[in-house]
N, C-alpha and C. Protein backbone atom coordinates (compact mmCIF):
# COMPACT_ATOMS: atom_id res chain seq x y z
N MET A 1 108.26 88.18 11.27
CA MET A 1 107.73 88.45 12.27
C MET A 1 108.63 89.74 12.89
N SER A 2 107.76 90.44 14.05
CA SER A 2 108.37 91.61 14.34
C SER A 2 107.92 92.01 15.61
N SER A 3 108.74 92.68 17.03
CA SER A 3 108.18 92.48 18.13
C SER A 3 107.25 93.89 18.09
N VAL A 4 106.32 93.54 19.20
CA VAL A 4 105.40 94.63 19.55
C VAL A 4 105.67 95.28 20.88
N TYR A 5 105.66 96.40 21.15
CA TYR A 5 105.85 97.49 22.10
C TYR A 5 104.76 98.19 22.48
N ARG A 6 104.94 98.45 24.05
CA ARG A 6 104.00 99.47 24.10
C ARG A 6 104.56 100.62 25.53
N ALA A 7 104.31 101.80 25.40
CA ALA A 7 104.87 102.47 26.27
C ALA A 7 104.24 102.66 27.37
N SER A 8 104.22 102.74 28.72
CA SER A 8 103.50 103.26 29.96
C SER A 8 104.07 104.12 31.06
N CYS A 9 103.53 104.60 31.46
CA CYS A 9 104.32 105.96 32.85
C CYS A 9 103.86 105.12 34.24
N GLU A 10 105.10 104.61 34.95
CA GLU A 10 105.01 104.37 36.33
C GLU A 10 104.52 105.12 36.97
N ASP A 11 103.93 106.59 36.90
CA ASP A 11 103.47 107.82 37.84
C ASP A 11 101.99 107.95 37.60
N CYS A 12 101.39 108.28 36.36
CA CYS A 12 100.44 108.33 36.07
C CYS A 12 99.40 107.86 35.56
N GLY A 13 100.19 106.54 34.79
CA GLY A 13 99.31 105.33 34.20
C GLY A 13 99.18 105.31 32.96
N TYR A 14 99.45 106.27 32.13
CA TYR A 14 99.79 106.79 31.20
C TYR A 14 100.11 105.49 29.80
N THR A 15 99.36 105.07 29.09
CA THR A 15 99.55 104.12 28.54
C THR A 15 99.41 104.30 27.17
N SER A 16 100.64 104.09 25.90
CA SER A 16 100.17 104.25 24.37
C SER A 16 99.72 103.11 23.66
N GLY A 17 99.24 103.01 22.41
CA GLY A 17 98.78 102.06 21.64
C GLY A 17 100.09 101.08 21.73
N GLU A 18 100.10 100.02 20.96
CA GLU A 18 101.15 99.06 20.54
C GLU A 18 101.54 99.20 19.07
N PHE A 19 102.96 99.10 18.85
CA PHE A 19 103.73 99.68 18.20
C PHE A 19 104.80 98.50 17.83
N PRO A 20 105.16 98.29 16.34
CA PRO A 20 106.50 97.64 15.87
C PRO A 20 107.84 98.32 16.38
N ASP A 21 108.65 97.75 16.43
CA ASP A 21 109.94 98.61 16.27
C ASP A 21 110.43 99.06 14.84
N VAL A 22 110.13 98.02 14.07
CA VAL A 22 110.18 98.38 12.57
C VAL A 22 109.43 98.07 11.69
N TYR A 23 109.17 98.53 10.70
CA TYR A 23 107.92 97.79 9.79
C TYR A 23 108.44 98.56 8.20
N HIS A 24 108.00 98.17 7.02
CA HIS A 24 108.19 98.77 5.87
C HIS A 24 106.80 99.40 5.31
N ALA A 25 107.15 99.97 4.43
CA ALA A 25 106.19 100.91 3.75
C ALA A 25 106.38 100.99 1.93
N LEU A 26 105.51 101.20 1.40
CA LEU A 26 105.65 101.19 -0.14
C LEU A 26 105.34 102.81 -0.51
N TRP A 27 106.63 103.35 -1.24
CA TRP A 27 106.20 104.98 -1.88
C TRP A 27 105.30 104.52 -3.22
N LEU A 28 104.37 105.63 -3.07
CA LEU A 28 103.17 105.33 -4.54
C LEU A 28 103.21 107.13 -4.86
N ASP A 29 103.37 106.75 -5.94
CA ASP A 29 102.90 108.52 -6.64
C ASP A 29 101.36 108.68 -6.37
N GLY A 30 101.03 109.92 -6.41
CA GLY A 30 99.18 110.35 -5.93
C GLY A 30 98.91 110.63 -4.62
N PRO A 31 98.09 111.06 -4.50
CA PRO A 31 97.55 111.62 -3.08
C PRO A 31 97.21 110.17 -2.28
N ALA A 32 97.26 110.27 -1.20
CA ALA A 32 96.68 109.11 -0.14
C ALA A 32 95.26 108.85 -0.44
N VAL A 33 95.08 107.69 -0.35
CA VAL A 33 93.83 107.25 -0.49
C VAL A 33 93.09 106.36 0.84
N GLU A 34 93.71 105.61 1.62
CA GLU A 34 93.47 105.10 2.77
C GLU A 34 93.74 106.05 3.75
N PRO A 35 93.12 105.78 4.98
CA PRO A 35 93.26 106.81 6.27
C PRO A 35 94.97 106.26 6.98
N ARG A 36 95.38 105.10 6.53
CA ARG A 36 96.86 104.66 7.26
C ARG A 36 97.92 105.37 6.34
N ASP A 37 97.33 105.52 4.89
CA ASP A 37 98.59 106.36 3.72
C ASP A 37 99.12 107.56 4.77
N VAL A 38 100.41 107.61 4.48
CA VAL A 38 101.13 108.61 5.19
C VAL A 38 101.47 109.86 3.71
N SER A 39 101.00 111.10 3.63
CA SER A 39 101.20 111.80 2.47
C SER A 39 102.46 112.50 2.69
N PHE A 40 103.39 112.70 1.31
CA PHE A 40 104.45 113.16 1.11
C PHE A 40 104.21 114.00 -0.32
N SER A 41 105.25 114.99 -0.33
CA SER A 41 105.68 115.67 -1.57
C SER A 41 107.06 115.46 -2.25
N GLU A 42 106.97 115.19 -3.38
CA GLU A 42 108.47 115.53 -3.93
C GLU A 42 108.50 115.98 -5.40
N ASN A 43 109.52 116.79 -5.21
CA ASN A 43 109.63 117.94 -6.38
C ASN A 43 107.96 118.49 -6.51
N GLY A 44 107.31 118.70 -5.52
CA GLY A 44 105.77 119.52 -5.89
C GLY A 44 104.80 118.31 -6.18
N THR A 45 105.26 116.96 -6.55
CA THR A 45 104.21 116.00 -6.88
C THR A 45 103.85 115.35 -5.81
N GLU A 46 102.75 115.27 -5.56
CA GLU A 46 102.05 114.49 -4.41
C GLU A 46 102.73 113.03 -4.35
N ALA A 47 102.67 112.53 -3.36
CA ALA A 47 103.19 110.84 -3.11
C ALA A 47 102.68 110.17 -1.81
N HIS A 48 102.41 109.31 -1.41
CA HIS A 48 102.16 108.53 -0.29
C HIS A 48 102.73 107.41 -0.22
N LEU A 49 102.74 106.97 1.43
CA LEU A 49 103.29 105.76 1.66
C LEU A 49 102.10 104.85 2.45
N VAL A 50 101.98 103.58 2.04
CA VAL A 50 101.21 102.43 2.45
C VAL A 50 102.26 101.77 3.29
N PRO A 51 101.38 101.55 4.02
CA PRO A 51 102.10 100.51 5.12
C PRO A 51 101.89 98.97 4.39
N LEU A 52 103.27 98.29 4.64
CA LEU A 52 103.03 96.76 4.40
C LEU A 52 102.77 95.98 5.62
N ALA A 53 101.67 96.01 6.03
CA ALA A 53 101.34 95.05 7.49
C ALA A 53 101.75 93.71 7.14
N HIS A 54 102.23 93.36 8.32
CA HIS A 54 102.62 91.91 8.45
C HIS A 54 101.21 91.02 8.38
N PRO A 55 101.26 89.81 8.53
CA PRO A 55 102.06 89.15 7.22
C PRO A 55 101.55 89.46 5.88
N MET A 56 100.50 90.42 5.24
CA MET A 56 100.50 90.32 4.08
C MET A 56 101.11 91.19 3.12
N GLU A 57 102.15 91.55 3.42
CA GLU A 57 103.71 92.18 2.85
C GLU A 57 103.58 91.97 1.31
N SER A 58 103.88 90.86 1.20
CA SER A 58 103.55 90.42 -0.53
C SER A 58 102.46 90.58 -1.19
N ARG A 59 101.32 90.07 -0.46
CA ARG A 59 100.04 90.63 -1.25
C ARG A 59 99.81 92.35 -1.79
N ILE A 60 100.29 92.70 -0.20
CA ILE A 60 99.97 94.41 -0.39
C ILE A 60 101.09 94.84 -1.73
N LEU A 61 102.02 94.43 -1.66
CA LEU A 61 103.14 94.89 -2.75
C LEU A 61 102.85 94.19 -4.26
N ALA A 62 102.23 93.01 -4.32
CA ALA A 62 101.53 92.45 -5.68
C ALA A 62 100.31 93.52 -5.97
N LYS A 63 99.30 93.81 -5.33
CA LYS A 63 98.61 94.83 -5.63
C LYS A 63 98.82 95.52 -6.35
N HIS A 64 100.24 96.20 -5.84
CA HIS A 64 100.61 97.28 -6.57
C HIS A 64 101.51 97.52 -7.89
N GLY A 65 101.65 96.27 -8.40
CA GLY A 65 102.57 95.69 -9.14
C GLY A 65 104.03 95.54 -8.67
N HIS A 66 104.53 95.33 -7.37
CA HIS A 66 105.72 95.48 -6.97
C HIS A 66 106.35 93.56 -6.13
N THR A 67 107.32 93.56 -6.24
CA THR A 67 108.26 92.70 -5.25
C THR A 67 108.76 93.52 -4.41
N LEU A 68 108.88 92.91 -3.26
CA LEU A 68 109.76 93.43 -2.22
C LEU A 68 111.64 93.93 -2.91
N ALA A 69 111.94 92.98 -3.61
CA ALA A 69 113.29 93.38 -4.53
C ALA A 69 112.98 94.67 -5.62
N SER A 70 111.92 94.38 -6.11
CA SER A 70 111.63 95.47 -7.09
C SER A 70 111.37 96.89 -6.73
N ALA A 71 110.55 96.65 -5.64
CA ALA A 71 110.64 97.97 -4.53
C ALA A 71 111.64 98.66 -4.29
N GLY A 72 112.36 98.06 -3.63
CA GLY A 72 113.55 98.37 -3.38
C GLY A 72 114.32 99.00 -4.19
N LEU A 73 114.77 98.33 -5.65
CA LEU A 73 115.30 98.50 -6.60
C LEU A 73 115.01 100.12 -7.30
N GLU A 74 113.70 100.39 -7.08
CA GLU A 74 112.88 101.48 -7.65
C GLU A 74 113.06 102.71 -6.55
N GLY A 75 113.69 102.54 -5.34
CA GLY A 75 113.46 103.49 -4.86
C GLY A 75 112.00 103.90 -4.00
N ARG A 76 111.22 102.63 -3.74
CA ARG A 76 109.74 102.60 -3.13
C ARG A 76 109.53 101.96 -2.11
N LEU A 77 110.73 101.37 -1.29
CA LEU A 77 110.52 100.48 -0.17
C LEU A 77 111.08 101.23 1.04
N VAL A 78 110.68 101.78 1.94
CA VAL A 78 110.57 102.46 3.03
C VAL A 78 110.61 101.67 4.47
N ALA A 79 111.74 101.84 5.23
CA ALA A 79 111.84 101.40 6.26
C ALA A 79 111.32 102.61 7.24
N VAL A 80 110.73 101.77 7.88
CA VAL A 80 110.06 103.14 9.18
C VAL A 80 110.37 102.56 10.57
N GLN A 81 111.23 103.34 11.30
CA GLN A 81 111.54 102.78 12.50
C GLN A 81 110.96 103.86 13.75
N ASN A 82 110.44 103.11 14.47
CA ASN A 82 109.49 103.99 15.82
C ASN A 82 110.90 104.26 16.60
N VAL A 83 110.68 105.45 16.86
CA VAL A 83 111.56 105.82 17.86
C VAL A 83 111.30 106.69 18.88
N MET A 84 111.81 106.97 20.19
CA MET A 84 111.63 107.82 21.72
C MET A 84 112.08 109.26 21.57
N CYS A 85 111.35 110.09 21.33
CA CYS A 85 111.96 111.46 21.86
C CYS A 85 112.51 111.58 23.09
N PRO A 86 113.99 111.64 23.55
CA PRO A 86 114.37 111.88 24.92
C PRO A 86 113.97 113.12 25.42
N GLN A 87 113.26 114.13 24.70
CA GLN A 87 112.81 115.52 25.29
C GLN A 87 111.79 115.34 26.02
N CYS A 88 110.55 114.78 25.27
CA CYS A 88 109.25 114.95 25.57
C CYS A 88 108.36 113.66 25.57
N GLY A 89 109.20 112.68 25.12
CA GLY A 89 108.65 111.37 25.17
C GLY A 89 107.73 110.87 24.10
N THR A 90 107.53 111.60 23.45
CA THR A 90 106.63 111.47 22.03
C THR A 90 107.53 110.19 21.09
N ILE A 91 106.56 109.18 20.92
CA ILE A 91 106.96 108.27 19.84
C ILE A 91 106.64 108.86 18.61
N SER A 92 107.65 108.68 17.64
CA SER A 92 107.42 109.25 16.19
C SER A 92 108.29 108.26 15.19
N GLU A 93 108.61 108.47 14.14
CA GLU A 93 108.83 108.05 13.15
C GLU A 93 109.94 108.25 12.41
N ARG A 94 110.67 107.33 11.93
CA ARG A 94 111.84 107.90 11.29
C ARG A 94 111.69 107.21 9.81
N ARG A 95 111.85 107.81 9.00
CA ARG A 95 111.77 106.91 7.45
C ARG A 95 112.76 107.27 6.55
N ARG A 96 113.22 105.76 5.95
CA ARG A 96 114.52 105.91 5.02
C ARG A 96 114.34 105.07 3.90
N LEU A 97 114.76 105.05 2.81
CA LEU A 97 115.02 103.92 1.87
C LEU A 97 115.64 103.01 2.17
N SER A 98 114.96 101.80 1.61
CA SER A 98 115.28 100.53 1.94
C SER A 98 115.69 99.68 0.60
N VAL A 99 116.67 98.19 1.04
CA VAL A 99 116.47 97.64 -0.55
C VAL A 99 116.61 96.08 0.41
N ARG A 100 115.46 95.67 0.25
CA ARG A 100 115.04 94.21 0.67
C ARG A 100 115.47 93.04 -0.69
N GLY A 101 115.61 91.87 -0.10
CA GLY A 101 115.28 91.00 -1.21
C GLY A 101 116.18 90.00 -1.29
N PRO A 102 116.39 89.14 -2.19
CA PRO A 102 117.26 87.79 -2.08
C PRO A 102 118.95 88.17 -3.04
N GLY A 103 118.56 89.28 -3.28
CA GLY A 103 119.96 89.63 -4.19
C GLY A 103 121.58 89.59 -3.41
N ALA A 104 120.91 90.29 -2.09
CA ALA A 104 122.14 90.57 -0.97
C ALA A 104 122.92 89.25 -0.61
N TRP A 105 121.98 88.44 -0.51
CA TRP A 105 121.86 87.20 0.57
C TRP A 105 122.31 86.49 -0.52
N ILE A 106 122.18 86.28 -1.85
CA ILE A 106 122.71 85.49 -2.60
C ILE A 106 123.98 86.03 -3.01
N ALA A 107 124.73 87.24 -3.07
CA ALA A 107 125.70 87.46 -3.08
C ALA A 107 126.65 87.39 -2.23
N ALA A 108 126.32 87.72 -0.89
CA ALA A 108 126.96 87.01 0.16
C ALA A 108 127.11 85.52 0.03
N LEU A 109 126.42 84.57 0.02
CA LEU A 109 126.29 83.04 0.00
C LEU A 109 127.48 82.81 -1.01
N PHE A 110 127.62 83.72 -2.51
CA PHE A 110 128.72 83.26 -3.14
C PHE A 110 129.89 83.74 -2.53
N LEU A 111 130.09 85.12 -2.11
CA LEU A 111 131.75 85.66 -1.59
C LEU A 111 131.96 84.32 -0.44
N ALA A 112 131.18 84.18 0.50
CA ALA A 112 131.56 83.28 1.63
C ALA A 112 131.68 81.96 0.92
N LEU A 113 131.08 81.15 0.27
CA LEU A 113 131.41 80.07 -0.45
C LEU A 113 133.13 80.18 -1.18
N THR A 114 133.14 81.22 -1.63
CA THR A 114 134.49 81.29 -2.67
C THR A 114 135.61 81.56 -1.49
N ALA A 115 135.00 82.19 -0.36
CA ALA A 115 135.99 82.39 0.56
C ALA A 115 136.66 80.82 1.56
N ALA A 116 135.56 80.22 1.64
CA ALA A 116 135.65 79.15 2.17
C ALA A 116 136.35 78.31 1.67
N THR A 117 136.27 77.95 0.17
CA THR A 117 137.08 77.34 -0.96
C THR A 117 138.35 77.72 -0.99
N VAL A 118 138.57 79.12 -0.70
CA VAL A 118 139.91 79.14 -0.86
C VAL A 118 140.75 78.93 0.36
N ALA A 119 139.87 78.91 1.67
CA ALA A 119 140.81 78.40 2.71
C ALA A 119 140.77 76.97 2.99
N ALA A 120 140.04 76.03 2.27
CA ALA A 120 140.11 74.65 2.24
C ALA A 120 140.93 74.39 1.16
N PHE A 121 141.28 75.06 -0.07
CA PHE A 121 142.53 74.62 -0.79
C PHE A 121 143.96 74.88 -0.08
N SER A 122 143.77 76.21 1.18
CA SER A 122 145.03 76.55 1.64
C SER A 122 145.14 75.68 2.66
N GLY A 123 144.75 74.58 3.12
CA GLY A 123 144.66 73.68 4.08
C GLY A 123 144.32 73.56 5.51
N PHE A 124 143.48 74.82 5.72
CA PHE A 124 142.81 75.83 6.95
C PHE A 124 141.98 74.19 7.47
N PRO A 125 141.98 73.97 8.79
CA PRO A 125 141.18 72.81 9.26
C PRO A 125 139.60 72.78 8.89
N VAL A 126 139.27 71.76 8.47
CA VAL A 126 137.68 71.69 8.38
C VAL A 126 136.60 72.99 9.11
N THR A 127 137.40 72.88 10.44
CA THR A 127 136.20 73.48 11.51
C THR A 127 136.32 75.41 11.19
N VAL A 128 137.92 75.33 10.64
CA VAL A 128 138.10 77.04 10.47
C VAL A 128 137.26 77.19 9.12
N VAL A 129 137.27 76.48 8.32
CA VAL A 129 136.67 76.51 6.54
C VAL A 129 135.34 76.75 7.38
N ALA A 130 134.63 75.88 7.74
CA ALA A 130 133.04 76.20 8.48
C ALA A 130 132.61 77.48 9.02
N VAL A 131 133.41 77.95 9.69
CA VAL A 131 133.06 79.29 10.58
C VAL A 131 133.51 80.41 9.23
N ILE A 132 134.41 80.30 8.65
CA ILE A 132 134.46 81.10 7.47
C ILE A 132 133.12 81.09 6.42
N GLY A 133 132.92 80.19 6.22
CA GLY A 133 131.84 79.83 5.17
C GLY A 133 130.52 80.55 6.36
N ILE A 134 130.14 79.93 7.56
CA ILE A 134 128.87 80.21 8.16
C ILE A 134 128.83 82.04 8.34
N GLY A 135 130.09 82.65 8.93
CA GLY A 135 130.34 83.73 9.62
C GLY A 135 130.58 84.94 8.09
N GLY A 136 130.76 84.42 7.11
CA GLY A 136 131.31 84.95 6.40
C GLY A 136 129.71 85.44 5.20
N VAL A 137 128.68 84.35 5.16
CA VAL A 137 127.25 84.82 4.90
C VAL A 137 126.62 85.93 5.67
N THR A 138 126.69 85.70 6.93
CA THR A 138 126.24 86.78 7.92
C THR A 138 126.78 88.11 7.58
N THR A 139 128.29 88.58 7.53
CA THR A 139 128.94 89.47 7.37
C THR A 139 128.90 89.86 6.25
N PHE A 140 129.16 89.35 5.04
CA PHE A 140 128.82 89.81 3.43
C PHE A 140 127.64 90.38 3.57
N GLY A 141 126.64 89.88 3.77
CA GLY A 141 124.90 89.96 3.97
C GLY A 141 124.73 91.11 4.23
N MET A 142 125.28 91.48 5.68
CA MET A 142 125.13 92.63 6.49
C MET A 142 125.68 94.00 5.72
N ALA A 143 126.49 93.34 5.42
CA ALA A 143 127.83 94.45 4.46
C ALA A 143 126.99 94.89 3.25
N ALA A 144 126.33 93.86 2.69
CA ALA A 144 125.23 93.99 1.00
C ALA A 144 124.40 94.99 1.50
N ARG A 145 123.63 94.86 2.64
CA ARG A 145 122.35 95.55 2.88
C ARG A 145 122.63 96.77 2.99
N VAL A 146 123.85 97.00 4.00
CA VAL A 146 124.14 98.51 3.99
C VAL A 146 124.29 99.47 2.90
N VAL A 147 125.06 98.41 2.12
CA VAL A 147 125.68 99.22 0.68
C VAL A 147 124.39 99.67 -0.15
N SER A 148 123.71 98.28 0.03
CA SER A 148 122.13 98.57 -0.79
C SER A 148 121.72 99.62 -0.70
N ASP A 149 121.07 100.13 1.45
CA ASP A 149 120.59 100.93 1.55
C ASP A 149 121.32 102.02 0.85
N ARG A 150 122.33 102.44 1.52
CA ARG A 150 123.24 103.58 0.78
C ARG A 150 122.92 104.06 -0.70
N TYR A 151 123.09 103.24 -1.62
CA TYR A 151 123.05 103.38 -3.10
C TYR A 151 121.88 103.89 -3.30
N ALA A 152 120.76 103.32 -2.56
CA ALA A 152 119.13 103.64 -2.61
C ALA A 152 119.27 105.08 -2.46
N ARG A 153 119.39 105.17 -1.25
CA ARG A 153 119.78 107.03 -0.75
C ARG A 153 120.12 107.85 -1.84
N ALA A 154 121.25 107.45 -2.00
CA ALA A 154 121.85 108.29 -3.04
C ALA A 154 121.63 108.71 -4.67
N ARG A 155 120.71 107.31 -4.59
CA ARG A 155 119.99 107.38 -6.31
C ARG A 155 119.06 108.23 -6.69
N PHE A 156 118.15 108.09 -5.21
CA PHE A 156 116.79 108.71 -5.43
C PHE A 156 116.92 109.77 -4.43
N GLY A 157 117.88 110.98 -4.42
CA GLY A 157 118.29 111.82 -3.61
C GLY A 157 117.11 112.81 -2.89
N GLU A 158 116.53 112.95 -4.11
CA GLU A 158 114.92 114.19 -3.66
C GLU A 158 114.13 112.99 -2.85
N ARG A 159 113.80 112.07 -3.28
CA ARG A 159 113.01 111.03 -2.48
C ARG A 159 113.32 110.83 -1.06
N THR A 160 114.74 111.07 -0.59
CA THR A 160 115.40 110.74 0.56
C THR A 160 115.32 112.08 1.38
N GLN A 161 115.59 113.42 0.80
CA GLN A 161 115.44 114.51 1.44
C GLN A 161 113.43 114.81 1.46
N ALA A 162 112.51 114.36 0.86
CA ALA A 162 111.25 114.67 1.64
C ALA A 162 111.16 113.54 2.13
N LEU A 163 111.84 112.77 2.47
CA LEU A 163 111.89 111.74 3.76
C LEU A 163 112.11 112.10 5.25
N ASN A 164 113.16 112.93 4.99
CA ASN A 164 113.92 113.32 6.05
C ASN A 164 113.31 114.91 6.58
N ALA A 165 112.86 115.33 5.79
CA ALA A 165 111.90 116.61 6.26
C ALA A 165 110.68 116.30 7.25
N TYR A 166 110.43 114.93 7.26
CA TYR A 166 109.56 114.72 8.29
C TYR A 166 110.05 114.01 9.62
N ASN A 167 111.81 113.61 9.26
CA ASN A 167 112.08 112.70 10.62
C ASN A 167 112.71 113.66 11.82
N HIS A 168 111.53 113.91 12.55
CA HIS A 168 111.46 114.87 13.44
C HIS A 168 110.41 114.59 14.66
N CYS A 169 110.44 115.00 16.09
CA CYS A 169 109.48 114.95 16.90
C CYS A 169 108.24 115.83 16.23
N LEU A 170 107.11 114.81 16.53
CA LEU A 170 105.89 115.76 15.88
C LEU A 170 105.46 116.84 16.92
N SER A 171 106.03 116.47 18.36
CA SER A 171 105.25 117.24 19.27
C SER A 171 106.49 118.56 19.64
N CYS A 172 107.40 118.39 19.82
CA CYS A 172 108.28 119.35 20.31
C CYS A 172 109.65 119.83 19.17
N GLY A 173 109.29 119.23 18.15
CA GLY A 173 110.20 119.49 17.10
C GLY A 173 111.78 119.10 17.06
N GLY A 174 111.95 118.29 18.36
CA GLY A 174 113.58 117.92 18.44
C GLY A 174 113.91 116.58 17.27
N ASN A 175 115.13 116.64 17.00
CA ASN A 175 115.83 115.99 16.20
C ASN A 175 116.34 114.79 16.74
N GLU A 176 116.80 114.90 18.04
CA GLU A 176 117.24 113.40 18.72
C GLU A 176 116.13 112.44 18.49
N ALA A 177 116.72 111.33 18.53
CA ALA A 177 115.63 110.48 18.99
C ALA A 177 116.31 108.67 19.33
N GLU A 178 115.77 108.19 20.43
CA GLU A 178 116.09 106.99 21.04
C GLU A 178 115.47 105.83 20.50
N SER A 179 116.23 104.67 20.21
CA SER A 179 115.56 103.47 19.61
C SER A 179 114.52 102.94 20.84
N ILE A 180 113.50 102.49 20.59
CA ILE A 180 112.59 101.89 21.73
C ILE A 180 112.99 101.02 22.62
N THR A 181 113.80 100.58 22.07
CA THR A 181 114.38 99.04 22.46
C THR A 181 115.36 99.36 23.90
N THR A 182 115.93 100.68 23.64
CA THR A 182 116.74 101.45 24.49
C THR A 182 115.83 101.12 25.94
N LEU A 183 116.81 100.53 26.96
CA LEU A 183 116.41 100.18 28.06
C LEU A 183 116.74 101.82 29.09
N GLY A 184 115.78 101.77 29.70
CA GLY A 184 115.32 103.08 30.74
C GLY A 184 113.95 103.87 30.84
N ARG A 185 114.17 104.94 31.13
CA ARG A 185 112.92 105.84 31.44
C ARG A 185 113.16 107.31 30.85
N PHE A 186 111.60 107.07 30.20
CA PHE A 186 111.58 108.75 29.36
C PHE A 186 110.72 109.84 29.87
N PRO A 187 110.61 111.02 29.30
CA PRO A 187 109.89 111.85 30.07
C PRO A 187 108.22 111.20 29.65
N CYS A 188 107.19 111.15 30.39
CA CYS A 188 106.23 110.90 30.13
C CYS A 188 105.36 112.03 29.12
N PRO A 189 104.42 111.80 27.90
CA PRO A 189 103.95 112.80 27.21
C PRO A 189 102.96 113.37 28.02
N GLN A 190 102.23 112.60 28.88
CA GLN A 190 100.82 113.39 29.95
C GLN A 190 101.28 113.85 31.11
N CYS A 191 102.24 113.31 31.87
CA CYS A 191 102.73 114.25 33.30
C CYS A 191 103.86 114.78 33.15
N GLY A 192 104.61 114.53 32.31
CA GLY A 192 105.87 114.74 32.19
C GLY A 192 107.39 114.46 32.98
N GLU A 193 106.76 113.65 34.08
CA GLU A 193 107.49 112.66 34.64
C GLU A 193 108.53 111.96 34.02
N VAL A 194 109.67 111.26 34.18
CA VAL A 194 110.57 110.79 33.69
C VAL A 194 110.32 109.37 34.25
N LYS A 195 109.36 108.71 33.92
CA LYS A 195 108.91 107.33 34.36
C LYS A 195 108.28 106.77 33.54
N LEU A 196 108.69 107.10 32.02
CA LEU A 196 107.84 106.45 30.70
C LEU A 196 108.89 105.16 30.43
N ARG A 197 108.34 103.90 30.25
CA ARG A 197 108.86 102.99 29.94
C ARG A 197 108.36 102.12 28.94
N VAL A 198 109.33 101.57 28.24
CA VAL A 198 108.58 101.05 26.91
C VAL A 198 109.21 99.51 26.98
N ARG A 199 108.08 98.50 26.54
CA ARG A 199 108.14 96.97 27.21
C ARG A 199 107.59 96.19 25.94
N SER A 200 108.31 95.24 25.68
CA SER A 200 107.86 94.37 24.96
C SER A 200 106.34 93.18 25.00
N VAL A 201 105.45 93.39 24.43
CA VAL A 201 104.23 92.79 24.45
C VAL A 201 103.86 91.91 23.72
N GLY A 202 104.75 91.47 22.82
CA GLY A 202 104.27 90.13 21.87
C GLY A 202 105.12 90.52 20.48
N ILE A 203 104.55 89.49 19.86
CA ILE A 203 105.20 89.50 18.29
C ILE A 203 104.01 89.42 17.11
N SER A 204 104.25 90.20 16.32
CA SER A 204 102.71 90.31 15.21
C SER A 204 103.54 89.50 14.14
């Protein structure tokens, strides 16, 4: 599940459509087929992104012969983050290769259990061993995700560059971006007043 947001201006009444903070998409070779597909070019070869709509991610992946893990390892899983341009208030997308699946968490669980076992045999109190085990899973899991994402972006460098070429504001061309979850006001794309706010409106 992910939170759904909407931007609205307190001055002119402008209201955007609803959008998630982050969603994933599948990179496929060939021209776009559906209206929602986003076209790209990698080394002169046409490609496109297919949004993995929640809660049908697994079904869409299976339709194209992938799982979440296989798509990530093959450099075909793209994390799409909606961001706000601080200069003009336009909501645009930042796309990066990502790796997801159980592998990272399995490795994190193994490392956490190993650390907890060592702590137990070293005579640490049970509470300390529990904290090491639980905290280790979270810490090692997050670290594994970061390493996996960086590995995918380095291995598939040309695809990463193709995605980065579109990571800018579609209205003013600016490269700066703020998370849509950032508190504060932004310029309204309709009236220009710095009275645009983004609020959570539900969960998808």
